Amino acid sequence: MINKRNIILASGSPRRAQLLEEAGIKFRVQKTDCEEIYPDNLPVYEIAEYLAKLKANASKSFITSLDEVVITADSVVALGNEVYGKPIDEKDAYRILCFLSGKIHSVYTGVCMFDQRQEICFTAKTEVFFREFTHEEITEYIHLYKPYDKAGSYGIQEWIGLCKISRIEGSYSNVMGLPMDLVYEGLKRFN
């Protein structure tokens, strides 16, 4: 398959690691620290890739040999021109889920893959159709799942994905944080 290179996932996201593992891709995790700040005038569909590139620039030193490939990624949830990253606390998570309740929103994941010779960056988009939430459902979800490390305050692989998403248009794994079909095709270009 594609494991001819040593792959480094520059992310602390357990969901991204899970997706790579489930795809049978061998990798190691090396977290990168980077402030996730983007220009105010950046179009919504460019934000996730912009942040993935910031993380890539902060991860350049991870490559120590020709056979290494680094993957960085960032996801944002958007409804119209409003962007929702990770909630800062319980109150913020509640506010975000109230706003998304009963609406269709977009999940954008930007990915940057690079080695010492080339860089490939792209963005995937998935439309997510939420059913209405009650106050009790939101409160219980936040208390049980503590979605503070998730863009949009939810994980599709959790209760919300099972019980409150009526359908999606696009990649399921993209909503989890890594569009694996595009990542797989991108990694093949490094072999």
N, C-alpha and C. Protein backbone atom coordinates (compact mmCIF):
# COMPACT_ATOMS: atom_id res chain seq x y z
N MET A 1 0.85 -1.19 0.00
CA MET A 1 0.00 0.00 0.00
C MET A 1 0.89 1.25 0.00
N ILE A 2 0.74 2.14 1.01
CA ILE A 2 1.46 3.41 0.94
C ILE A 2 2.50 3.58 2.04
N ASN A 3 2.78 2.55 2.80
CA ASN A 3 3.69 2.72 3.92
C ASN A 3 5.15 2.55 3.54
N LYS A 4 5.55 3.17 2.44
CA LYS A 4 6.94 3.14 2.04
C LYS A 4 7.71 4.29 2.69
N ARG A 5 6.99 5.22 3.30
CA ARG A 5 7.61 6.38 3.94
C ARG A 5 7.27 6.36 5.43
N ASN A 6 8.08 7.05 6.22
CA ASN A 6 7.78 7.22 7.64
C ASN A 6 6.86 8.44 7.77
N ILE A 7 5.66 8.20 8.24
CA ILE A 7 4.65 9.25 8.32
C ILE A 7 4.58 9.80 9.74
N ILE A 8 4.58 11.12 9.84
CA ILE A 8 4.47 11.81 11.12
C ILE A 8 3.16 12.57 11.12
N LEU A 9 2.30 12.28 12.09
CA LEU A 9 1.07 13.05 12.28
C LEU A 9 1.37 14.15 13.29
N ALA A 10 1.40 15.38 12.82
CA ALA A 10 1.70 16.52 13.69
C ALA A 10 0.39 17.05 14.25
N SER A 11 -0.23 16.25 15.12
CA SER A 11 -1.52 16.59 15.70
C SER A 11 -1.72 15.79 16.98
N GLY A 12 -2.34 16.41 17.95
CA GLY A 12 -2.67 15.71 19.18
C GLY A 12 -4.07 15.14 19.16
N SER A 13 -4.76 15.23 18.02
CA SER A 13 -6.13 14.76 17.92
C SER A 13 -6.21 13.23 17.95
N PRO A 14 -6.88 12.67 18.95
CA PRO A 14 -7.03 11.21 18.96
C PRO A 14 -7.89 10.70 17.81
N ARG A 15 -8.78 11.53 17.30
CA ARG A 15 -9.63 11.11 16.19
C ARG A 15 -8.82 11.01 14.89
N ARG A 16 -7.92 11.94 14.66
CA ARG A 16 -7.09 11.84 13.46
C ARG A 16 -6.20 10.60 13.52
N ALA A 17 -5.64 10.33 14.69
CA ALA A 17 -4.82 9.13 14.86
C ALA A 17 -5.66 7.88 14.63
N GLN A 18 -6.87 7.85 15.16
CA GLN A 18 -7.77 6.71 14.99
C GLN A 18 -8.05 6.45 13.51
N LEU A 19 -8.31 7.53 12.76
CA LEU A 19 -8.61 7.37 11.33
C LEU A 19 -7.43 6.79 10.57
N LEU A 20 -6.23 7.28 10.84
CA LEU A 20 -5.04 6.74 10.17
C LEU A 20 -4.84 5.27 10.54
N GLU A 21 -5.02 4.95 11.82
CA GLU A 21 -4.89 3.55 12.27
C GLU A 21 -5.89 2.65 11.56
N GLU A 22 -7.15 3.10 11.52
CA GLU A 22 -8.20 2.29 10.89
C GLU A 22 -7.97 2.11 9.40
N ALA A 23 -7.25 3.04 8.78
CA ALA A 23 -6.92 2.92 7.36
C ALA A 23 -5.68 2.06 7.14
N GLY A 24 -5.08 1.57 8.23
CA GLY A 24 -3.91 0.71 8.11
C GLY A 24 -2.63 1.46 7.79
N ILE A 25 -2.60 2.75 8.08
CA ILE A 25 -1.43 3.56 7.79
C ILE A 25 -0.58 3.64 9.05
N LYS A 26 0.68 3.25 8.92
CA LYS A 26 1.60 3.33 10.06
C LYS A 26 2.14 4.74 10.17
N PHE A 27 2.21 5.25 11.40
CA PHE A 27 2.64 6.63 11.62
C PHE A 27 3.08 6.78 13.06
N ARG A 28 3.69 7.91 13.34
CA ARG A 28 3.96 8.27 14.72
C ARG A 28 3.43 9.68 14.93
N VAL A 29 3.08 9.98 16.16
CA VAL A 29 2.54 11.30 16.50
C VAL A 29 3.66 12.17 17.05
N GLN A 30 3.73 13.37 16.55
CA GLN A 30 4.64 14.38 17.09
C GLN A 30 3.85 15.69 17.10
N LYS A 31 3.39 16.08 18.27
CA LYS A 31 2.52 17.25 18.38
C LYS A 31 3.26 18.52 18.05
N THR A 32 2.52 19.43 17.43
CA THR A 32 3.06 20.74 17.13
C THR A 32 2.25 21.80 17.87
N ASP A 33 2.92 22.82 18.34
CA ASP A 33 2.23 23.92 18.99
C ASP A 33 2.24 25.13 18.08
N CYS A 34 1.06 25.69 17.89
CA CYS A 34 0.92 26.80 16.96
C CYS A 34 -0.35 27.56 17.32
N GLU A 35 -0.27 28.88 17.37
CA GLU A 35 -1.47 29.67 17.62
C GLU A 35 -2.37 29.60 16.41
N GLU A 36 -3.63 29.25 16.64
CA GLU A 36 -4.58 29.10 15.54
C GLU A 36 -5.30 30.42 15.28
N ILE A 37 -4.58 31.36 14.67
CA ILE A 37 -5.12 32.68 14.38
C ILE A 37 -5.08 32.88 12.87
N TYR A 38 -6.16 33.40 12.31
CA TYR A 38 -6.23 33.64 10.87
C TYR A 38 -6.74 35.07 10.63
N PRO A 39 -6.46 35.62 9.45
CA PRO A 39 -6.91 36.98 9.15
C PRO A 39 -8.44 37.08 9.14
N ASP A 40 -8.98 38.17 9.64
CA ASP A 40 -10.43 38.37 9.70
C ASP A 40 -11.10 38.35 8.33
N ASN A 41 -10.38 38.78 7.30
CA ASN A 41 -10.98 38.88 5.96
C ASN A 41 -10.83 37.60 5.13
N LEU A 42 -10.31 36.54 5.73
CA LEU A 42 -10.13 35.28 5.01
C LEU A 42 -11.49 34.63 4.76
N PRO A 43 -11.77 34.21 3.51
CA PRO A 43 -13.03 33.52 3.24
C PRO A 43 -13.15 32.25 4.10
N VAL A 44 -14.35 31.93 4.50
CA VAL A 44 -14.60 30.80 5.39
C VAL A 44 -13.98 29.52 4.87
N TYR A 45 -14.11 29.24 3.57
CA TYR A 45 -13.62 27.99 3.00
C TYR A 45 -12.10 27.90 2.94
N GLU A 46 -11.39 29.00 3.24
CA GLU A 46 -9.93 29.00 3.23
C GLU A 46 -9.31 28.90 4.62
N ILE A 47 -10.12 29.03 5.66
CA ILE A 47 -9.59 29.11 7.03
C ILE A 47 -8.89 27.83 7.46
N ALA A 48 -9.53 26.69 7.27
CA ALA A 48 -8.96 25.42 7.75
C ALA A 48 -7.62 25.13 7.07
N GLU A 49 -7.53 25.37 5.78
CA GLU A 49 -6.26 25.11 5.08
C GLU A 49 -5.20 26.11 5.52
N TYR A 50 -5.59 27.35 5.74
CA TYR A 50 -4.65 28.36 6.25
C TYR A 50 -4.04 27.90 7.57
N LEU A 51 -4.90 27.40 8.47
CA LEU A 51 -4.43 26.92 9.78
C LEU A 51 -3.56 25.67 9.64
N ALA A 52 -3.92 24.78 8.72
CA ALA A 52 -3.10 23.59 8.48
C ALA A 52 -1.71 23.99 7.98
N LYS A 53 -1.64 25.03 7.15
CA LYS A 53 -0.34 25.51 6.65
C LYS A 53 0.47 26.15 7.78
N LEU A 54 -0.20 26.87 8.69
CA LEU A 54 0.50 27.41 9.85
C LEU A 54 1.14 26.29 10.66
N LYS A 55 0.38 25.23 10.88
CA LYS A 55 0.89 24.08 11.62
C LYS A 55 2.03 23.40 10.87
N ALA A 56 1.92 23.37 9.53
CA ALA A 56 2.99 22.78 8.73
C ALA A 56 4.28 23.58 8.89
N ASN A 57 4.17 24.90 8.84
CA ASN A 57 5.36 25.74 9.02
C ASN A 57 5.98 25.53 10.39
N ALA A 58 5.15 25.31 11.41
CA ALA A 58 5.66 25.07 12.77
C ALA A 58 6.24 23.67 12.93
N SER A 59 5.99 22.80 11.94
CA SER A 59 6.43 21.40 12.02
C SER A 59 7.57 21.06 11.08
N LYS A 60 8.12 22.02 10.38
CA LYS A 60 9.18 21.76 9.39
C LYS A 60 10.37 21.03 10.02
N SER A 61 10.66 21.35 11.27
CA SER A 61 11.84 20.74 11.92
C SER A 61 11.63 19.26 12.25
N PHE A 62 10.40 18.75 12.12
CA PHE A 62 10.14 17.34 12.41
C PHE A 62 10.82 16.42 11.40
N ILE A 63 11.07 16.93 10.20
CA ILE A 63 11.66 16.10 9.15
C ILE A 63 13.18 16.07 9.32
N THR A 64 13.68 14.88 9.54
CA THR A 64 15.13 14.72 9.73
C THR A 64 15.75 13.84 8.65
N SER A 65 14.90 13.25 7.79
CA SER A 65 15.44 12.39 6.72
C SER A 65 14.53 12.46 5.49
N LEU A 66 15.04 11.97 4.38
CA LEU A 66 14.30 12.02 3.11
C LEU A 66 13.06 11.13 3.09
N ASP A 67 13.00 10.14 3.97
CA ASP A 67 11.87 9.21 3.91
C ASP A 67 10.70 9.61 4.81
N GLU A 68 10.72 10.81 5.39
CA GLU A 68 9.64 11.23 6.29
C GLU A 68 8.65 12.17 5.60
N VAL A 69 7.37 11.96 5.92
CA VAL A 69 6.28 12.81 5.44
C VAL A 69 5.49 13.26 6.66
N VAL A 70 5.20 14.54 6.74
CA VAL A 70 4.43 15.11 7.85
C VAL A 70 3.03 15.45 7.38
N ILE A 71 2.05 15.17 8.23
CA ILE A 71 0.65 15.54 7.97
C ILE A 71 0.20 16.49 9.07
N THR A 72 -0.33 17.66 8.66
CA THR A 72 -0.98 18.57 9.60
C THR A 72 -2.40 18.79 9.12
N ALA A 73 -3.29 19.16 10.04
CA ALA A 73 -4.69 19.37 9.66
C ALA A 73 -5.36 20.30 10.65
N ASP A 74 -6.44 20.92 10.20
CA ASP A 74 -7.28 21.71 11.07
C ASP A 74 -8.70 21.68 10.52
N SER A 75 -9.67 21.64 11.42
CA SER A 75 -11.08 21.61 11.02
C SER A 75 -11.82 22.80 11.62
N VAL A 76 -12.75 23.34 10.84
CA VAL A 76 -13.65 24.37 11.35
C VAL A 76 -15.07 24.03 10.93
N VAL A 77 -16.00 24.46 11.75
CA VAL A 77 -17.42 24.32 11.47
C VAL A 77 -17.93 25.70 11.10
N ALA A 78 -18.71 25.80 10.03
CA ALA A 78 -19.21 27.10 9.59
C ALA A 78 -20.69 27.03 9.26
N LEU A 79 -21.38 28.08 9.65
CA LEU A 79 -22.78 28.27 9.27
C LEU A 79 -22.85 29.67 8.68
N GLY A 80 -23.01 29.72 7.37
CA GLY A 80 -22.90 31.00 6.68
C GLY A 80 -21.48 31.51 6.81
N ASN A 81 -21.33 32.74 7.27
CA ASN A 81 -19.99 33.31 7.46
C ASN A 81 -19.51 33.21 8.90
N GLU A 82 -20.29 32.55 9.75
CA GLU A 82 -19.91 32.37 11.16
C GLU A 82 -19.10 31.09 11.29
N VAL A 83 -17.92 31.20 11.90
CA VAL A 83 -17.02 30.05 12.05
C VAL A 83 -16.98 29.63 13.51
N TYR A 84 -17.06 28.32 13.73
CA TYR A 84 -17.02 27.77 15.08
C TYR A 84 -15.84 26.81 15.21
N GLY A 85 -14.89 27.20 16.00
CA GLY A 85 -13.77 26.32 16.31
C GLY A 85 -14.10 25.54 17.56
N LYS A 86 -13.08 25.30 18.38
CA LYS A 86 -13.28 24.58 19.64
C LYS A 86 -13.89 25.53 20.66
N PRO A 87 -14.86 25.07 21.44
CA PRO A 87 -15.45 25.95 22.46
C PRO A 87 -14.46 26.22 23.59
N ILE A 88 -14.58 27.40 24.17
CA ILE A 88 -13.64 27.75 25.25
C ILE A 88 -14.07 27.19 26.60
N ASP A 89 -15.37 26.91 26.75
CA ASP A 89 -15.88 26.37 28.01
C ASP A 89 -17.28 25.79 27.79
N GLU A 90 -17.91 25.35 28.86
CA GLU A 90 -19.24 24.73 28.79
C GLU A 90 -20.28 25.70 28.23
N LYS A 91 -20.25 26.93 28.67
CA LYS A 91 -21.21 27.94 28.21
C LYS A 91 -21.07 28.17 26.70
N ASP A 92 -19.84 28.23 26.23
CA ASP A 92 -19.59 28.43 24.80
C ASP A 92 -20.05 27.22 24.00
N ALA A 93 -19.79 26.01 24.50
CA ALA A 93 -20.26 24.79 23.82
C ALA A 93 -21.78 24.80 23.71
N TYR A 94 -22.44 25.18 24.79
CA TYR A 94 -23.91 25.24 24.78
C TYR A 94 -24.39 26.25 23.74
N ARG A 95 -23.77 27.43 23.71
CA ARG A 95 -24.15 28.49 22.76
C ARG A 95 -24.01 27.99 21.32
N ILE A 96 -22.88 27.34 21.02
CA ILE A 96 -22.63 26.85 19.67
C ILE A 96 -23.66 25.80 19.27
N LEU A 97 -23.92 24.83 20.14
CA LEU A 97 -24.87 23.77 19.81
C LEU A 97 -26.29 24.31 19.66
N CYS A 98 -26.66 25.31 20.45
CA CYS A 98 -27.97 25.96 20.29
C CYS A 98 -28.07 26.60 18.91
N PHE A 99 -27.01 27.24 18.50
CA PHE A 99 -27.02 27.93 17.22
C PHE A 99 -27.08 26.94 16.05
N LEU A 100 -26.38 25.79 16.17
CA LEU A 100 -26.36 24.81 15.08
C LEU A 100 -27.62 23.94 15.04
N SER A 101 -28.36 23.88 16.14
CA SER A 101 -29.54 23.02 16.26
C SER A 101 -30.54 23.26 15.12
N GLY A 102 -30.91 22.16 14.45
CA GLY A 102 -31.92 22.22 13.40
C GLY A 102 -31.45 22.84 12.10
N LYS A 103 -30.16 23.07 11.97
CA LYS A 103 -29.64 23.75 10.77
C LYS A 103 -28.65 22.86 10.02
N ILE A 104 -28.34 23.29 8.80
CA ILE A 104 -27.31 22.63 7.98
C ILE A 104 -26.05 23.47 8.10
N HIS A 105 -24.94 22.84 8.45
CA HIS A 105 -23.68 23.56 8.53
C HIS A 105 -22.60 22.82 7.73
N SER A 106 -21.50 23.49 7.52
CA SER A 106 -20.39 22.93 6.75
C SER A 106 -19.22 22.64 7.68
N VAL A 107 -18.56 21.52 7.44
CA VAL A 107 -17.31 21.21 8.12
C VAL A 107 -16.21 21.24 7.07
N TYR A 108 -15.23 22.10 7.31
CA TYR A 108 -14.07 22.21 6.43
C TYR A 108 -12.86 21.66 7.17
N THR A 109 -12.13 20.76 6.52
CA THR A 109 -10.85 20.31 7.06
C THR A 109 -9.77 20.62 6.05
N GLY A 110 -8.80 21.40 6.50
CA GLY A 110 -7.63 21.69 5.68
C GLY A 110 -6.52 20.74 6.07
N VAL A 111 -5.81 20.23 5.07
CA VAL A 111 -4.73 19.28 5.30
C VAL A 111 -3.49 19.76 4.55
N CYS A 112 -2.35 19.62 5.19
CA CYS A 112 -1.07 19.92 4.56
C CYS A 112 -0.16 18.71 4.78
N MET A 113 0.42 18.21 3.69
CA MET A 113 1.33 17.07 3.75
C MET A 113 2.61 17.50 3.06
N PHE A 114 3.75 17.20 3.69
CA PHE A 114 5.00 17.65 3.09
C PHE A 114 6.17 16.75 3.48
N ASP A 115 7.17 16.77 2.63
CA ASP A 115 8.46 16.16 2.94
C ASP A 115 9.53 17.20 2.61
N GLN A 116 10.75 16.79 2.41
CA GLN A 116 11.82 17.76 2.14
C GLN A 116 11.77 18.33 0.73
N ARG A 117 10.97 17.72 -0.15
CA ARG A 117 10.94 18.15 -1.55
C ARG A 117 9.63 18.79 -2.00
N GLN A 118 8.51 18.39 -1.42
CA GLN A 118 7.23 18.89 -1.92
C GLN A 118 6.23 19.07 -0.79
N GLU A 119 5.18 19.83 -1.11
CA GLU A 119 4.08 20.09 -0.17
C GLU A 119 2.77 19.99 -0.93
N ILE A 120 1.80 19.30 -0.34
CA ILE A 120 0.46 19.17 -0.91
C ILE A 120 -0.52 19.67 0.13
N CYS A 121 -1.35 20.64 -0.24
CA CYS A 121 -2.37 21.15 0.68
C CYS A 121 -3.73 21.14 -0.01
N PHE A 122 -4.77 20.86 0.75
CA PHE A 122 -6.12 20.82 0.20
C PHE A 122 -7.14 21.00 1.31
N THR A 123 -8.38 21.25 0.90
CA THR A 123 -9.49 21.39 1.85
C THR A 123 -10.63 20.50 1.40
N ALA A 124 -11.24 19.81 2.35
CA ALA A 124 -12.44 19.01 2.10
C ALA A 124 -13.62 19.68 2.80
N LYS A 125 -14.80 19.54 2.20
CA LYS A 125 -16.02 20.13 2.76
C LYS A 125 -17.10 19.06 2.86
N THR A 126 -17.78 19.03 4.00
CA THR A 126 -18.92 18.13 4.21
C THR A 126 -20.07 18.94 4.78
N GLU A 127 -21.26 18.73 4.24
CA GLU A 127 -22.47 19.38 4.76
C GLU A 127 -23.11 18.44 5.79
N VAL A 128 -23.45 18.98 6.96
CA VAL A 128 -24.03 18.20 8.05
C VAL A 128 -25.42 18.74 8.36
N PHE A 129 -26.41 17.85 8.40
CA PHE A 129 -27.79 18.22 8.64
C PHE A 129 -28.17 17.83 10.07
N PHE A 130 -28.31 18.83 10.94
CA PHE A 130 -28.67 18.59 12.34
C PHE A 130 -30.18 18.61 12.53
N ARG A 131 -30.67 17.71 13.37
CA ARG A 131 -32.05 17.79 13.85
C ARG A 131 -32.08 18.82 14.99
N GLU A 132 -33.27 19.18 15.44
CA GLU A 132 -33.42 20.11 16.57
C GLU A 132 -32.95 19.43 17.86
N PHE A 133 -32.30 20.20 18.72
CA PHE A 133 -31.89 19.73 20.05
C PHE A 133 -32.76 20.38 21.10
N THR A 134 -33.05 19.65 22.16
CA THR A 134 -33.69 20.28 23.32
C THR A 134 -32.60 20.79 24.25
N HIS A 135 -32.99 21.64 25.18
CA HIS A 135 -32.06 22.15 26.18
C HIS A 135 -31.43 20.98 26.95
N GLU A 136 -32.25 20.00 27.33
CA GLU A 136 -31.78 18.86 28.10
C GLU A 136 -30.78 18.02 27.30
N GLU A 137 -31.05 17.83 26.00
CA GLU A 137 -30.15 17.04 25.17
C GLU A 137 -28.77 17.71 25.06
N ILE A 138 -28.76 19.01 24.85
CA ILE A 138 -27.49 19.73 24.74
C ILE A 138 -26.72 19.66 26.06
N THR A 139 -27.42 19.93 27.15
CA THR A 139 -26.78 19.93 28.47
C THR A 139 -26.21 18.56 28.80
N GLU A 140 -27.00 17.51 28.58
CA GLU A 140 -26.53 16.15 28.87
C GLU A 140 -25.36 15.77 27.97
N TYR A 141 -25.44 16.12 26.68
CA TYR A 141 -24.34 15.81 25.76
C TYR A 141 -23.04 16.46 26.23
N ILE A 142 -23.10 17.72 26.58
CA ILE A 142 -21.89 18.43 27.03
C ILE A 142 -21.33 17.79 28.30
N HIS A 143 -22.20 17.44 29.24
CA HIS A 143 -21.72 16.83 30.49
C HIS A 143 -21.13 15.44 30.27
N LEU A 144 -21.72 14.66 29.36
CA LEU A 144 -21.23 13.30 29.13
C LEU A 144 -19.99 13.26 28.25
N TYR A 145 -19.95 14.09 27.21
CA TYR A 145 -18.89 13.97 26.20
C TYR A 145 -17.82 15.06 26.26
N LYS A 146 -18.09 16.13 26.99
CA LYS A 146 -17.12 17.21 27.18
C LYS A 146 -16.42 17.57 25.85
N PRO A 147 -17.16 18.13 24.90
CA PRO A 147 -16.64 18.35 23.53
C PRO A 147 -15.76 19.59 23.37
N TYR A 148 -14.92 19.86 24.35
CA TYR A 148 -14.13 21.09 24.34
C TYR A 148 -12.95 21.05 23.38
N ASP A 149 -12.60 19.88 22.88
CA ASP A 149 -11.49 19.77 21.93
C ASP A 149 -11.98 19.55 20.51
N LYS A 150 -13.27 19.85 20.26
CA LYS A 150 -13.86 19.57 18.96
C LYS A 150 -14.43 20.84 18.33
N ALA A 151 -14.08 21.08 17.08
CA ALA A 151 -14.67 22.19 16.34
C ALA A 151 -16.18 22.02 16.30
N GLY A 152 -16.91 23.09 16.56
CA GLY A 152 -18.37 23.02 16.55
C GLY A 152 -18.97 22.39 17.78
N SER A 153 -18.16 22.03 18.75
CA SER A 153 -18.61 21.46 20.03
C SER A 153 -19.25 20.08 19.93
N TYR A 154 -18.90 19.31 18.89
CA TYR A 154 -19.47 17.96 18.82
C TYR A 154 -18.54 17.04 18.06
N GLY A 155 -18.75 15.74 18.31
CA GLY A 155 -18.06 14.69 17.55
C GLY A 155 -19.10 13.85 16.83
N ILE A 156 -18.95 13.69 15.53
CA ILE A 156 -19.92 12.92 14.74
C ILE A 156 -19.96 11.46 15.17
N GLN A 157 -18.87 10.96 15.75
CA GLN A 157 -18.78 9.56 16.16
C GLN A 157 -19.44 9.32 17.52
N GLU A 158 -19.97 10.38 18.13
CA GLU A 158 -20.60 10.29 19.45
C GLU A 158 -22.12 10.33 19.32
N TRP A 159 -22.80 10.54 20.44
CA TRP A 159 -24.26 10.53 20.51
C TRP A 159 -24.89 11.44 19.46
N ILE A 160 -24.36 12.63 19.29
CA ILE A 160 -24.94 13.56 18.31
C ILE A 160 -24.94 12.95 16.92
N GLY A 161 -23.85 12.33 16.53
CA GLY A 161 -23.78 11.72 15.21
C GLY A 161 -24.76 10.58 15.04
N LEU A 162 -24.96 9.83 16.08
CA LEU A 162 -25.88 8.69 16.02
C LEU A 162 -27.35 9.10 16.07
N CYS A 163 -27.66 10.12 16.86
CA CYS A 163 -29.06 10.43 17.14
C CYS A 163 -29.57 11.77 16.60
N LYS A 164 -28.68 12.68 16.23
CA LYS A 164 -29.15 14.02 15.86
C LYS A 164 -28.67 14.51 14.50
N ILE A 165 -27.98 13.68 13.74
CA ILE A 165 -27.62 14.06 12.38
C ILE A 165 -28.49 13.24 11.44
N SER A 166 -29.32 13.93 10.66
CA SER A 166 -30.23 13.21 9.76
C SER A 166 -29.52 12.75 8.49
N ARG A 167 -28.51 13.51 8.06
CA ARG A 167 -27.70 13.07 6.92
C ARG A 167 -26.49 13.98 6.76
N ILE A 168 -25.53 13.50 5.97
CA ILE A 168 -24.38 14.32 5.60
C ILE A 168 -24.20 14.23 4.09
N GLU A 169 -23.58 15.24 3.53
CA GLU A 169 -23.21 15.22 2.12
C GLU A 169 -21.71 15.47 2.06
N GLY A 170 -20.97 14.41 1.76
CA GLY A 170 -19.52 14.50 1.75
C GLY A 170 -18.92 13.41 2.61
N SER A 171 -17.68 13.60 2.96
CA SER A 171 -16.91 12.59 3.68
C SER A 171 -17.21 12.57 5.18
N TYR A 172 -17.55 11.38 5.69
CA TYR A 172 -17.76 11.20 7.12
C TYR A 172 -16.47 11.44 7.89
N SER A 173 -15.36 10.88 7.37
CA SER A 173 -14.09 11.03 8.08
C SER A 173 -13.64 12.49 8.12
N ASN A 174 -14.07 13.27 7.15
CA ASN A 174 -13.77 14.71 7.16
C ASN A 174 -14.37 15.37 8.39
N VAL A 175 -15.58 14.99 8.75
CA VAL A 175 -16.24 15.56 9.93
C VAL A 175 -15.52 15.12 11.20
N MET A 176 -14.91 13.95 11.18
CA MET A 176 -14.12 13.48 12.32
C MET A 176 -12.78 14.21 12.42
N GLY A 177 -12.33 14.83 11.31
CA GLY A 177 -11.11 15.62 11.37
C GLY A 177 -10.05 15.33 10.33
N LEU A 178 -10.30 14.33 9.46
CA LEU A 178 -9.30 14.02 8.43
C LEU A 178 -10.00 13.33 7.25
N PRO A 179 -10.07 13.99 6.08
CA PRO A 179 -10.72 13.37 4.92
C PRO A 179 -9.84 12.26 4.35
N MET A 180 -10.04 11.05 4.82
CA MET A 180 -9.10 9.96 4.55
C MET A 180 -8.99 9.60 3.07
N ASP A 181 -10.03 9.77 2.29
CA ASP A 181 -9.91 9.46 0.87
C ASP A 181 -8.88 10.38 0.21
N LEU A 182 -8.91 11.66 0.55
CA LEU A 182 -7.95 12.62 -0.01
C LEU A 182 -6.56 12.46 0.60
N VAL A 183 -6.50 12.14 1.88
CA VAL A 183 -5.21 11.91 2.53
C VAL A 183 -4.52 10.70 1.89
N TYR A 184 -5.26 9.63 1.69
CA TYR A 184 -4.70 8.42 1.07
C TYR A 184 -4.14 8.73 -0.32
N GLU A 185 -4.93 9.43 -1.13
CA GLU A 185 -4.48 9.78 -2.49
C GLU A 185 -3.25 10.68 -2.43
N GLY A 186 -3.25 11.61 -1.47
CA GLY A 186 -2.10 12.50 -1.32
C GLY A 186 -0.84 11.74 -0.92
N LEU A 187 -0.97 10.81 0.01
CA LEU A 187 0.20 10.03 0.44
C LEU A 187 0.78 9.20 -0.69
N LYS A 188 -0.07 8.73 -1.60
CA LYS A 188 0.43 7.94 -2.74
C LYS A 188 1.36 8.78 -3.61
N ARG A 189 1.16 10.08 -3.64
CA ARG A 189 2.01 10.96 -4.45
C ARG A 189 3.42 11.12 -3.86
N PHE A 190 3.59 10.73 -2.60
CA PHE A 190 4.92 10.83 -1.97
C PHE A 190 5.75 9.57 -2.15
N ASN A 191 5.17 8.50 -2.68
CA ASN A 191 5.90 7.23 -2.82
C ASN A 191 6.68 7.18 -4.13
